[in-house]
């Protein structure tokens, strides 16, 4: 389970919480322009936009959880179990596997508008990366500074939805998530007014009571509502420090703690890492469950015309600033 958001102050930001029960050795990976992508059905992409994001590198291939390209287009895949439907190869379509979709779109497109024609002829293949690595059921969020969409491979076909909230979690499908916000129209950051029984002497006894009814559990629909509320009401300055700090605070509002969410196998799902990329500057920030220190990798400090992947393992060690 995961949560992804986009956020704009002076610059545009995109990022996510990755909520799983175990890590896969993911790292911050820069894919330069000349790293060749060999697609299963679509041939080789020898040159493309450079990109940065969190990925598992397997067989020298970056399996991105989330990424942003040098033009500012960003994308993340989120778990979508029970609803994601992948299909056999279809003649006349762009047959791309789910694990290839992020580099396929970010490699060619600078904006969501440029991605739309590619999505119109897209067929997501029912083909895993390898026998050892099963095919993850995913849906995707795709954003630039101007617009945000959700891409869902469902039984009716590949659906692309406008996302005015700029937030995505997991199940149910996105239209139901967006509709569920109607349940919270009366939730407010302001001090509440007694509409329940005006004849009774009801009093506010603390701040925050206007948000009574906002869900606090870790389910995907509740995280969606809480992330939208937090993002829409966030007050933030325009400096990089203020923007990045506020972005992580929004993600913290829907982060999962180890032990709170039990999985069917008896393990526990928790927020392995949180990310925030300044899409205008190409700076990728992240923090991990065991290290609250924010680390960053700057896309533009790398040789973007190189032909090999550039990888920075996550810094996960507990780190405390001792002041005395």
Protein backbone atom coordinates (compact mmCIF):
# COMPACT_ATOMS: atom_id res chain seq x y z
CA UNK A 1 0.00 0.00 0.00
CA UNK A 2 1.29 3.49 -0.77
CA UNK A 3 0.41 7.16 -1.06
CA UNK A 4 1.61 9.55 -3.80
CA UNK A 5 1.05 13.30 -4.08
CA UNK A 6 2.00 16.29 -6.19
CA UNK A 7 2.39 19.72 -4.63
CA UNK A 8 3.19 23.19 -5.96
CA UNK A 9 4.64 26.23 -4.20
CA UNK A 10 7.08 28.28 -6.28
CA UNK A 11 8.41 25.01 -7.71
CA UNK A 12 6.59 21.76 -8.39
CA UNK A 13 7.12 18.68 -6.20
CA UNK A 14 6.17 15.03 -6.54
CA UNK A 15 6.73 12.07 -4.27
CA UNK A 16 5.34 9.14 -2.37
CA UNK A 17 5.37 6.83 0.60
CA UNK A 18 6.32 3.26 -0.27
CA UNK A 19 4.46 0.99 2.17
CA UNK A 20 5.51 -2.65 2.09
CA UNK A 21 6.45 -5.37 4.58
CA UNK A 22 10.05 -5.72 3.35
CA UNK A 23 12.55 -3.75 1.28
CA UNK A 24 14.08 -4.98 -1.97
CA UNK A 25 17.41 -3.19 -1.84
CA UNK A 26 16.02 -0.15 -3.65
CA UNK A 27 18.33 2.79 -4.40
CA UNK A 28 18.19 6.24 -5.95
CA UNK A 29 18.97 5.54 -9.60
CA UNK A 30 19.84 8.01 -12.35
CA UNK A 31 19.27 6.76 -15.89
CA UNK A 32 21.28 8.96 -18.30
CA UNK A 33 20.06 9.82 -21.79
CA UNK A 34 22.20 7.23 -23.55
CA UNK A 35 21.42 4.23 -21.38
CA UNK A 36 19.65 1.86 -23.83
CA UNK A 37 16.24 0.54 -22.78
CA UNK A 38 15.46 -2.80 -24.43
CA UNK A 39 11.69 -3.28 -24.36
CA UNK A 40 10.12 -6.74 -24.62
CA UNK A 41 7.98 -5.91 -27.67
CA UNK A 42 8.82 -2.33 -28.59
CA UNK A 43 12.46 -2.63 -29.59
CA UNK A 44 15.29 -0.54 -28.18
CA UNK A 45 15.20 3.07 -27.02
CA UNK A 46 18.81 4.13 -27.44
CA UNK A 47 18.38 7.76 -26.39
CA UNK A 48 15.72 9.34 -24.19
CA UNK A 49 15.11 11.90 -21.47
CA UNK A 50 17.30 11.35 -18.42
CA UNK A 51 15.43 10.35 -15.27
CA UNK A 52 15.93 9.94 -11.54
CA UNK A 53 13.95 7.97 -8.98
CA UNK A 54 13.86 5.09 -6.55
CA UNK A 55 14.40 1.74 -8.21
CA UNK A 56 15.43 -1.84 -7.78
CA UNK A 57 18.18 -2.60 -10.28
CA UNK A 58 17.90 -6.18 -11.58
CA UNK A 59 20.03 -7.50 -14.45
CA UNK A 60 21.24 -3.91 -14.97
CA UNK A 61 17.65 -2.76 -15.53
CA UNK A 62 16.07 -0.03 -13.33
CA UNK A 63 12.69 -1.20 -12.02
CA UNK A 64 11.40 2.19 -10.91
CA UNK A 65 8.96 2.57 -8.03
CA UNK A 66 8.77 6.29 -8.83
CA UNK A 67 10.73 8.59 -11.11
CA UNK A 68 10.97 12.09 -12.62
CA UNK A 69 12.59 12.97 -15.92
CA UNK A 70 14.75 15.97 -16.74
CA UNK A 71 11.74 17.77 -18.23
CA UNK A 72 9.74 17.55 -15.00
CA UNK A 73 7.31 14.73 -15.84
CA UNK A 74 6.84 12.39 -12.87
CA UNK A 75 5.30 8.97 -12.37
CA UNK A 76 4.81 6.34 -9.67
CA UNK A 77 3.30 2.86 -9.55
CA UNK A 78 1.11 1.94 -6.57
CA UNK A 79 -0.26 -1.40 -5.48
CA UNK A 80 -3.69 -2.16 -6.99
CA UNK A 81 -4.45 -5.78 -6.00
CA UNK A 82 -7.64 -7.44 -7.21
CA UNK A 83 -8.29 -4.73 -9.79
CA UNK A 84 -5.23 -4.55 -12.05
CA UNK A 85 -5.79 -6.52 -15.26
CA UNK A 86 -2.95 -7.09 -17.73
CA UNK A 87 -3.51 -8.55 -21.18
CA UNK A 88 -1.95 -10.72 -23.89
CA UNK A 89 -0.08 -9.07 -26.74
CA UNK A 90 -2.44 -7.18 -29.04
CA UNK A 91 -1.55 -6.37 -32.69
CA UNK A 92 -1.67 -2.67 -33.53
CA UNK A 93 -1.05 -1.61 -29.93
CA UNK A 94 2.05 -0.46 -28.09
CA UNK A 95 2.62 -3.63 -26.07
CA UNK A 96 4.53 -2.60 -22.96
CA UNK A 97 4.91 -4.53 -19.72
CA UNK A 98 3.93 -2.82 -16.45
CA UNK A 99 7.56 -2.66 -15.29
CA UNK A 100 8.47 -0.90 -18.56
CA UNK A 101 5.72 1.73 -18.41
CA UNK A 102 7.60 4.34 -16.35
CA UNK A 103 10.70 4.42 -18.61
CA UNK A 104 8.50 4.14 -21.72
CA UNK A 105 6.56 7.30 -20.88
CA UNK A 106 9.25 9.32 -19.06
CA UNK A 107 11.79 8.45 -21.73
CA UNK A 108 9.70 10.02 -24.51
CA UNK A 109 7.40 12.62 -22.95
CA UNK A 110 7.94 16.02 -21.35
CA UNK A 111 4.32 16.56 -20.26
CA UNK A 112 1.12 14.68 -19.48
CA UNK A 113 -0.28 16.07 -22.76
CA UNK A 114 2.52 14.41 -24.70
CA UNK A 115 1.85 11.11 -22.90
CA UNK A 116 -1.85 10.98 -23.79
CA UNK A 117 -1.40 9.74 -27.41
CA UNK A 118 0.94 7.00 -26.15
CA UNK A 119 -1.59 5.94 -23.52
CA UNK A 120 -4.35 5.85 -26.15
CA UNK A 121 -2.55 3.03 -27.99
CA UNK A 122 -1.13 1.32 -24.91
CA UNK A 123 -1.61 -2.36 -24.04
CA UNK A 124 -0.10 -3.45 -20.73
CA UNK A 125 1.26 -6.95 -21.17
CA UNK A 126 0.66 -9.79 -18.75
CA UNK A 127 4.38 -10.57 -18.60
CA UNK A 128 6.64 -10.50 -15.51
CA UNK A 129 10.21 -9.25 -15.44
CA UNK A 130 11.45 -12.74 -14.60
CA UNK A 131 10.28 -16.06 -13.21
CA UNK A 132 11.69 -15.08 -9.82
CA UNK A 133 9.92 -11.70 -9.76
CA UNK A 134 6.16 -11.88 -10.09
CA UNK A 135 4.07 -9.29 -11.87
CA UNK A 136 2.92 -6.61 -9.42
CA UNK A 137 -0.71 -5.42 -9.73
CA UNK A 138 -0.33 -1.67 -10.18
CA UNK A 139 -2.03 1.54 -11.15
CA UNK A 140 -0.08 4.72 -11.82
CA UNK A 141 -0.07 8.46 -11.15
CA UNK A 142 1.43 10.72 -13.83
CA UNK A 143 1.99 14.43 -13.15
CA UNK A 144 3.60 17.57 -14.43
CA UNK A 145 3.30 21.13 -13.15
CA UNK A 146 0.01 21.70 -15.00
CA UNK A 147 -1.97 18.47 -14.69
CA UNK A 148 -2.20 15.10 -13.05
CA UNK A 149 -3.80 11.85 -14.23
CA UNK A 150 -4.32 8.31 -12.94
CA UNK A 151 -3.71 5.33 -15.22
CA UNK A 152 -5.60 2.14 -14.34
CA UNK A 153 -5.46 -1.18 -16.20
CA UNK A 154 -8.85 -2.70 -15.30
CA UNK A 155 -11.13 -5.35 -16.79
CA UNK A 156 -12.80 -2.73 -19.04
CA UNK A 157 -9.44 -1.72 -20.51
CA UNK A 158 -6.82 0.92 -19.80
CA UNK A 159 -8.50 3.93 -18.19
CA UNK A 160 -6.98 7.40 -17.81
CA UNK A 161 -8.65 9.69 -15.26
CA UNK A 162 -8.12 13.37 -14.53
CA UNK A 163 -6.88 13.75 -10.96
CA UNK A 164 -7.81 17.18 -9.58
CA UNK A 165 -6.83 16.10 -6.04
CA UNK A 166 -3.24 15.30 -7.00
CA UNK A 167 -3.27 12.28 -4.65
CA UNK A 168 -3.34 8.52 -5.23
CA UNK A 169 -3.42 5.59 -2.82
CA UNK A 170 -4.55 2.02 -3.62
CA UNK A 171 -7.96 0.36 -3.79
CA UNK A 172 -10.74 0.81 -4.78
CA UNK A 173 -10.40 2.21 -8.34
CA UNK A 174 -9.76 5.95 -8.53
CA UNK A 175 -13.31 7.11 -9.42
CA UNK A 176 -14.59 5.58 -6.18
CA UNK A 177 -11.77 7.17 -4.21
CA UNK A 178 -12.56 10.60 -5.62
CA UNK A 179 -16.31 10.16 -5.06
CA UNK A 180 -15.70 9.22 -1.42
CA UNK A 181 -14.53 12.78 -0.70
CA UNK A 182 -18.19 13.81 -0.80
CA UNK A 183 -18.46 12.23 2.65
CA UNK A 184 -16.15 14.85 4.11
CA UNK A 185 -17.59 18.11 2.73
CA UNK A 186 -18.22 19.41 6.26
CA UNK A 187 -14.71 18.68 7.50
CA UNK A 188 -12.78 21.92 7.97
CA UNK A 189 -9.57 23.27 9.47
CA UNK A 190 -11.59 26.13 11.01
CA UNK A 191 -13.19 26.16 14.44
CA UNK A 192 -16.55 24.36 14.24
CA UNK A 193 -19.97 25.96 14.68
CA UNK A 194 -22.69 24.16 16.67
CA UNK A 195 -25.10 22.98 14.01
CA UNK A 196 -25.86 19.74 15.82
CA UNK A 197 -28.24 21.24 18.40
CA UNK A 198 -28.14 25.04 18.57
CA UNK A 199 -30.44 25.05 21.61
CA UNK A 200 -27.84 23.13 23.63
CA UNK A 201 -24.83 24.86 25.21
CA UNK A 202 -22.26 22.86 23.21
CA UNK A 203 -18.72 24.23 23.38
CA UNK A 204 -15.44 23.74 21.57
CA UNK A 205 -12.92 22.25 24.01
CA UNK A 206 -9.83 22.17 21.76
CA UNK A 207 -8.46 23.20 18.40
CA UNK A 208 -8.88 20.86 15.46
CA UNK A 209 -12.48 19.91 16.20
CA UNK A 210 -13.56 21.10 12.76
CA UNK A 211 -11.80 18.03 11.37
CA UNK A 212 -13.75 15.55 13.50
CA UNK A 213 -14.85 12.78 11.17
CA UNK A 214 -11.65 12.81 9.11
CA UNK A 215 -10.52 9.16 9.07
CA UNK A 216 -7.31 8.23 10.83
CA UNK A 217 -6.95 4.54 10.02
CA UNK A 218 -4.31 3.23 7.57
CA UNK A 219 -6.72 1.85 4.96
CA UNK A 220 -6.23 3.17 1.44
CA UNK A 221 -9.52 5.11 1.23
CA UNK A 222 -8.87 6.74 4.60
CA UNK A 223 -5.32 7.66 3.62
CA UNK A 224 -6.65 9.15 0.39
CA UNK A 225 -9.10 11.41 2.24
CA UNK A 226 -6.53 12.41 4.88
CA UNK A 227 -3.82 13.12 2.32
CA UNK A 228 -6.17 15.28 0.22
CA UNK A 229 -7.33 17.21 3.30
CA UNK A 230 -3.76 17.75 4.54
CA UNK A 231 -2.45 18.76 1.12
CA UNK A 232 -5.34 21.12 0.33
CA UNK A 233 -5.04 22.88 3.70
CA UNK A 234 -1.24 22.94 3.97
CA UNK A 235 0.22 26.43 4.45
CA UNK A 236 3.70 26.71 3.03
CA UNK A 237 6.31 29.28 2.12
CA UNK A 238 8.05 29.20 -1.24
CA UNK A 239 11.64 28.45 -0.25
CA UNK A 240 13.11 25.05 -0.99
CA UNK A 241 13.51 24.25 2.71
CA UNK A 242 9.92 25.19 3.53
CA UNK A 243 8.49 23.34 0.52
CA UNK A 244 10.41 20.12 1.02
CA UNK A 245 9.77 20.12 4.76
CA UNK A 246 6.03 20.64 4.26
CA UNK A 247 5.91 17.95 1.58
CA UNK A 248 7.36 15.38 3.97
CA UNK A 249 4.96 16.50 6.71
CA UNK A 250 2.03 15.83 4.35
CA UNK A 251 3.37 12.35 3.67
CA UNK A 252 3.97 11.83 7.40
CA UNK A 253 0.23 12.35 7.95
CA UNK A 254 -0.43 9.08 6.10
CA UNK A 255 2.75 7.14 6.93
CA UNK A 256 2.42 3.65 8.36
CA UNK A 257 4.24 2.46 11.47
CA UNK A 258 5.65 -1.06 11.74
CA UNK A 259 3.20 -3.25 13.66
CA UNK A 260 0.02 -1.25 13.00
CA UNK A 261 -0.95 -2.91 9.69
CA UNK A 262 -0.76 -6.71 9.70
CA UNK A 263 -0.44 -8.57 6.38
CA UNK A 264 -1.96 -11.95 5.60
CA UNK A 265 1.40 -13.69 6.02
CA UNK A 266 1.69 -12.40 9.59
CA UNK A 267 4.23 -9.73 8.69
CA UNK A 268 3.64 -5.98 9.02
CA UNK A 269 3.43 -3.31 6.37
CA UNK A 270 5.17 0.00 7.06
CA UNK A 271 6.54 3.04 5.23
CA UNK A 272 9.94 1.93 3.96
CA UNK A 273 10.78 5.31 2.48
CA UNK A 274 9.25 8.68 1.65
CA UNK A 275 10.38 10.68 -1.37
CA UNK A 276 10.03 14.23 -2.63
CA UNK A 277 11.50 15.42 -5.90
CA UNK A 278 11.69 19.03 -7.00
CA UNK A 279 10.63 18.36 -10.58
CA UNK A 280 11.77 21.78 -11.80
CA UNK A 281 15.33 21.33 -10.49
CA UNK A 282 15.68 17.55 -10.64
CA UNK A 283 16.64 17.16 -6.97
CA UNK A 284 15.42 13.89 -5.43
CA UNK A 285 14.97 13.95 -1.63
CA UNK A 286 14.16 10.92 0.50
CA UNK A 287 14.11 9.59 4.05
CA UNK A 288 13.76 6.03 5.32
CA UNK A 289 11.91 4.36 8.17
CA UNK A 290 14.96 4.12 10.42
CA UNK A 291 16.52 7.42 9.41
CA UNK A 292 14.49 10.63 9.53
CA UNK A 293 17.41 12.56 8.04
CA UNK A 294 16.55 13.91 4.59
CA UNK A 295 19.07 12.90 1.93
CA UNK A 296 19.16 14.09 -1.67
CA UNK A 297 20.61 13.29 -5.08
CA UNK A 298 20.78 16.01 -7.76
CA UNK A 299 20.05 14.73 -11.28
CA UNK A 300 21.95 17.59 -12.89
CA UNK A 301 25.17 16.91 -11.00
CA UNK A 302 25.55 13.67 -12.99
CA UNK A 303 26.80 13.12 -16.52
CA UNK A 304 23.43 12.89 -18.26
CA UNK A 305 25.01 11.82 -21.54
CA UNK A 306 26.58 8.74 -19.99
CA UNK A 307 25.58 5.25 -21.08
CA UNK A 308 25.45 3.47 -17.70
CA UNK A 309 23.14 3.61 -14.71
CA UNK A 310 24.21 5.69 -11.71
CA UNK A 311 23.05 4.32 -8.37
CA UNK A 312 23.10 5.63 -4.80
CA UNK A 313 22.06 3.09 -2.12
CA UNK A 314 19.62 4.36 0.48
CA UNK A 315 21.17 5.74 3.67
CA UNK A 316 19.19 3.95 6.38
CA UNK A 317 21.38 4.14 9.47
CA UNK A 318 19.98 5.77 12.60
CA UNK A 319 21.50 9.25 12.77
CA UNK A 320 21.13 11.63 15.69
CA UNK A 321 22.60 15.11 16.01
CA UNK A 322 24.20 15.17 19.47
CA UNK A 323 24.18 18.78 20.65
CA UNK A 324 26.09 18.38 23.92
